[in-house]
Amino acid sequence: MTETSAAPSAVSADQTARDTAGFWFDPLCPFAWITSRWILEVEKVRDVDVEWNVMSLAYLNKDKDIPQTYRDMLEPAWGPVRVCIAAEQRHGKSVLAGLYTAFGELIHHEKQPISRDLIATAVERAGLEADLVDAMDDAGLDEAVAASHHRGMDQVGDDVGTPTISVNGVAFFGPVLNAIPKGEDAGELWDGVVTVAKFPSFFELKRSRTGGLDFS
């Protein structure tokens, strides 16, 4: 008897394909921070490849009619996004997740104001070169900040901000959360986002936010 190899079993594309997520962040935004921690939880329980990208709330609002108090709050936010862009230019996108985490822990958990000292600490915690802190004052990086910003925001449209995510090539503002889903809860929320991303006619689900922010 001649031995023949069995034909490989058919596997659907849905069974083999990994989901992709593009995440646009400004370290200043607490809602982006919570959503970003959710994405990290999703990575533990779902097959998803996450790409981190920089956006800028200061750039987004530079020509808008906003209260002066909000504009003043946004002014120091240029520093961290410039440093993130400089780090990306030097090392590639792979450094952004760690650097963003360092910024977020300092800003949102330790409640430190954005300053040169904060930026220096974030750079050190991320294991990057100390001279990157000088990028905080380099307005020459703003064109690259704007380009990264538009790669995310232009997919979504007008009147959006952060968090912005692109799910399998379809971008949304959100999900906006006031606490971080963990474990399978994170996965189930991701499954829902992936599902609505499949429908070209879907645009928005929304309700008023209630309760405070929980970064734990």
Protein backbone atom coordinates (compact mmCIF):
# COMPACT_ATOMS: atom_id res chain seq x y z
CA MET A 1 0.00 0.00 0.00
CA THR A 2 1.32 3.42 -0.94
CA GLU A 3 1.22 5.92 1.92
CA THR A 4 -0.25 9.25 1.01
CA SER A 5 -0.28 12.39 3.10
CA ALA A 6 -3.63 13.64 4.24
CA ALA A 7 -4.88 16.85 2.72
CA PRO A 8 -4.60 19.78 5.11
CA SER A 9 -7.86 20.72 6.76
CA ALA A 10 -9.40 23.95 5.57
CA VAL A 11 -9.07 26.82 8.01
CA SER A 12 -11.14 29.92 7.49
CA ALA A 13 -9.53 33.35 7.38
CA ASP A 14 -11.56 34.33 10.44
CA GLN A 15 -9.87 31.56 12.44
CA THR A 16 -6.34 32.58 11.52
CA ALA A 17 -6.39 36.35 11.12
CA ARG A 18 -5.24 38.51 14.02
CA ASP A 19 -7.08 41.71 14.82
CA THR A 20 -5.20 44.99 14.55
CA ALA A 21 -5.56 48.12 16.61
CA GLY A 22 -4.03 51.53 16.03
CA PHE A 23 -4.12 53.65 19.19
CA TRP A 24 -3.62 57.44 19.16
CA PHE A 25 -2.72 59.03 22.48
CA ASP A 26 -1.81 62.30 24.12
CA PRO A 27 -0.22 61.57 27.53
CA LEU A 28 -2.25 64.40 29.05
CA CYS A 29 -5.67 62.80 28.45
CA PRO A 30 -7.03 60.69 31.33
CA PHE A 31 -9.64 59.01 29.12
CA ALA A 32 -6.98 57.92 26.63
CA TRP A 33 -4.98 56.57 29.56
CA ILE A 34 -7.85 54.38 30.76
CA THR A 35 -8.63 53.14 27.25
CA SER A 36 -4.96 52.39 26.65
CA ARG A 37 -4.81 50.25 29.81
CA TRP A 38 -7.88 48.40 28.53
CA ILE A 39 -6.08 47.69 25.24
CA LEU A 40 -3.17 46.21 27.20
CA GLU A 41 -5.66 43.95 28.98
CA VAL A 42 -7.14 42.96 25.61
CA GLU A 43 -3.68 41.86 24.43
CA LYS A 44 -3.63 39.28 27.24
CA VAL A 45 -6.87 37.56 26.21
CA ARG A 46 -7.28 38.16 22.47
CA ASP A 47 -5.08 37.83 19.38
CA VAL A 48 -4.51 41.48 18.57
CA ASP A 49 -1.56 43.50 17.33
CA VAL A 50 -1.48 47.05 18.74
CA GLU A 51 0.37 49.94 17.12
CA TRP A 52 0.88 53.07 19.26
CA ASN A 53 0.70 56.52 17.71
CA VAL A 54 0.95 60.11 18.90
CA MET A 55 -1.79 62.73 18.67
CA SER A 56 -1.85 66.15 20.29
CA LEU A 57 -4.68 67.83 22.15
CA ALA A 58 -2.78 71.12 21.98
CA TYR A 59 -2.54 70.84 18.20
CA LEU A 60 -6.18 69.72 17.92
CA ASN A 61 -7.40 72.79 19.79
CA LYS A 62 -4.89 75.41 18.63
CA ASP A 63 -7.36 77.21 16.34
CA LYS A 64 -10.54 76.48 18.31
CA ASP A 65 -12.51 78.87 20.46
CA ILE A 66 -11.83 77.33 23.86
CA PRO A 67 -11.66 78.85 27.35
CA GLN A 68 -8.30 80.37 28.21
CA THR A 69 -8.04 78.10 31.25
CA TYR A 70 -8.22 75.04 28.98
CA ARG A 71 -5.70 76.55 26.56
CA ASP A 72 -3.32 77.21 29.45
CA MET A 73 -3.69 73.58 30.58
CA LEU A 74 -2.85 72.35 27.07
CA GLU A 75 0.29 74.46 26.61
CA PRO A 76 2.70 72.18 28.55
CA ALA A 77 1.23 69.14 26.77
CA TRP A 78 3.42 69.95 23.75
CA GLY A 79 6.45 68.70 25.67
CA PRO A 80 5.52 65.02 26.10
CA VAL A 81 4.18 64.61 22.55
CA ARG A 82 7.33 66.14 21.07
CA VAL A 83 9.45 63.78 23.15
CA CYS A 84 7.35 60.82 22.03
CA ILE A 85 7.82 61.81 18.39
CA ALA A 86 11.57 62.29 18.88
CA ALA A 87 11.81 58.86 20.51
CA GLU A 88 9.83 57.31 17.65
CA GLN A 89 12.09 58.96 15.08
CA ARG A 90 15.16 57.60 16.84
CA HIS A 91 13.99 54.10 17.72
CA GLY A 92 10.71 53.38 15.91
CA LYS A 93 7.19 52.87 17.18
CA SER A 94 8.21 50.01 19.46
CA VAL A 95 9.37 52.50 22.12
CA LEU A 96 6.07 54.38 22.33
CA ALA A 97 4.18 51.91 24.53
CA GLY A 98 6.79 52.02 27.27
CA LEU A 99 7.31 55.76 27.08
CA TYR A 100 3.57 56.42 27.13
CA THR A 101 3.21 54.15 30.16
CA ALA A 102 5.94 56.09 31.97
CA PHE A 103 4.25 59.41 31.19
CA GLY A 104 0.81 58.12 32.18
CA GLU A 105 1.95 56.76 35.53
CA LEU A 106 3.57 60.08 36.42
CA ILE A 107 0.71 62.27 35.20
CA HIS A 108 -2.36 60.24 36.15
CA HIS A 109 -1.26 58.07 39.07
CA GLU A 110 1.41 60.20 40.73
CA LYS A 111 -0.40 63.45 39.84
CA GLN A 112 2.81 65.25 38.88
CA PRO A 113 2.55 68.43 36.79
CA ILE A 114 4.08 68.32 33.35
CA SER A 115 7.57 69.77 33.63
CA ARG A 116 11.11 69.12 32.48
CA ASP A 117 11.67 66.99 35.59
CA LEU A 118 8.62 64.85 34.83
CA ILE A 119 9.72 64.35 31.23
CA ALA A 120 13.24 63.44 32.31
CA THR A 121 11.86 60.89 34.75
CA ALA A 122 9.58 59.37 32.09
CA VAL A 123 12.46 59.07 29.63
CA GLU A 124 14.62 57.40 32.28
CA ARG A 125 11.85 54.96 33.29
CA ALA A 126 11.38 54.02 29.65
CA GLY A 127 15.09 53.22 29.36
CA LEU A 128 15.75 55.89 26.76
CA GLU A 129 18.55 58.40 26.31
CA ALA A 130 18.52 61.38 28.65
CA ASP A 131 19.04 63.88 25.83
CA LEU A 132 15.54 63.13 24.50
CA VAL A 133 14.20 65.50 27.16
CA ASP A 134 15.50 68.42 25.06
CA ALA A 135 12.87 67.58 22.42
CA MET A 136 10.21 69.06 24.70
CA ASP A 137 11.18 72.57 23.54
CA ASP A 138 11.86 71.69 19.89
CA ALA A 139 9.06 73.28 17.85
CA GLY A 140 10.74 71.81 14.77
CA LEU A 141 9.09 68.52 15.73
CA ASP A 142 5.59 69.99 15.51
CA GLU A 143 5.23 69.14 11.82
CA ALA A 144 5.85 65.48 12.64
CA VAL A 145 3.45 65.74 15.59
CA ALA A 146 0.79 67.11 13.24
CA ALA A 147 1.43 64.36 10.67
CA SER A 148 1.04 61.61 13.26
CA HIS A 149 -2.03 63.36 14.65
CA HIS A 150 -3.72 63.58 11.25
CA ARG A 151 -3.03 59.93 10.43
CA GLY A 152 -5.41 59.11 13.26
CA MET A 153 -7.85 61.99 13.44
CA ASP A 154 -8.46 62.26 9.70
CA GLN A 155 -9.81 58.70 9.71
CA VAL A 156 -12.49 59.66 12.22
CA GLY A 157 -13.66 63.08 11.08
CA ASP A 158 -14.57 66.30 12.85
CA ASP A 159 -15.34 67.00 16.51
CA VAL A 160 -13.41 64.10 17.99
CA GLY A 161 -10.42 63.84 20.27
CA THR A 162 -8.74 61.13 22.28
CA PRO A 163 -8.94 58.21 22.73
CA THR A 164 -9.04 57.35 19.05
CA ILE A 165 -8.53 53.77 17.90
CA SER A 166 -8.44 52.12 14.51
CA VAL A 167 -9.89 48.60 14.63
CA ASN A 168 -9.01 46.41 11.67
CA GLY A 169 -8.74 49.58 9.58
CA VAL A 170 -11.92 51.28 10.86
CA ALA A 171 -11.33 54.24 13.18
CA PHE A 172 -13.50 55.45 16.06
CA PHE A 173 -13.40 58.04 18.80
CA GLY A 174 -13.49 55.87 21.91
CA PRO A 175 -14.37 53.69 23.61
CA VAL A 176 -14.57 56.24 26.43
CA LEU A 177 -14.36 54.49 29.80
CA ASN A 178 -14.14 55.66 33.39
CA ALA A 179 -12.62 52.39 34.64
CA ILE A 180 -10.39 49.71 33.14
CA PRO A 181 -12.05 46.39 32.19
CA LYS A 182 -9.80 43.48 33.16
CA GLY A 183 -9.40 39.92 31.96
CA GLU A 184 -12.27 38.46 29.99
CA ASP A 185 -14.33 41.63 30.54
CA ALA A 186 -11.69 43.46 28.49
CA GLY A 187 -11.92 40.80 25.82
CA GLU A 188 -15.69 40.95 25.62
CA LEU A 189 -15.65 44.71 25.15
CA TRP A 190 -13.05 44.28 22.41
CA ASP A 191 -15.25 41.69 20.72
CA GLY A 192 -18.07 44.23 20.65
CA VAL A 193 -15.86 46.92 19.16
CA VAL A 194 -14.61 44.51 16.50
CA THR A 195 -18.22 43.60 15.67
CA VAL A 196 -19.43 47.18 15.16
CA ALA A 197 -16.31 47.93 13.10
CA LYS A 198 -17.57 45.42 10.53
CA PHE A 199 -20.61 47.57 9.72
CA PRO A 200 -19.90 50.53 7.37
CA SER A 201 -23.23 52.09 8.34
CA PHE A 202 -22.39 52.21 12.07
CA PHE A 203 -21.21 55.55 13.46
CA GLU A 204 -22.05 56.21 17.08
CA LEU A 205 -23.29 54.94 20.45
CA LYS A 206 -23.25 57.48 23.26
CA ARG A 207 -24.57 58.30 26.72
CA SER A 208 -23.70 60.91 29.35
CA ARG A 209 -20.71 60.06 31.53
CA THR A 210 -21.35 59.47 35.23
CA GLY A 211 -19.00 58.80 38.11
CA GLY A 212 -15.33 59.62 38.58
CA LEU A 213 -12.25 58.17 36.91
CA ASP A 214 -10.71 54.97 38.25
CA PHE A 215 -7.15 54.32 37.09
CA SER A 216 -6.67 51.15 39.13
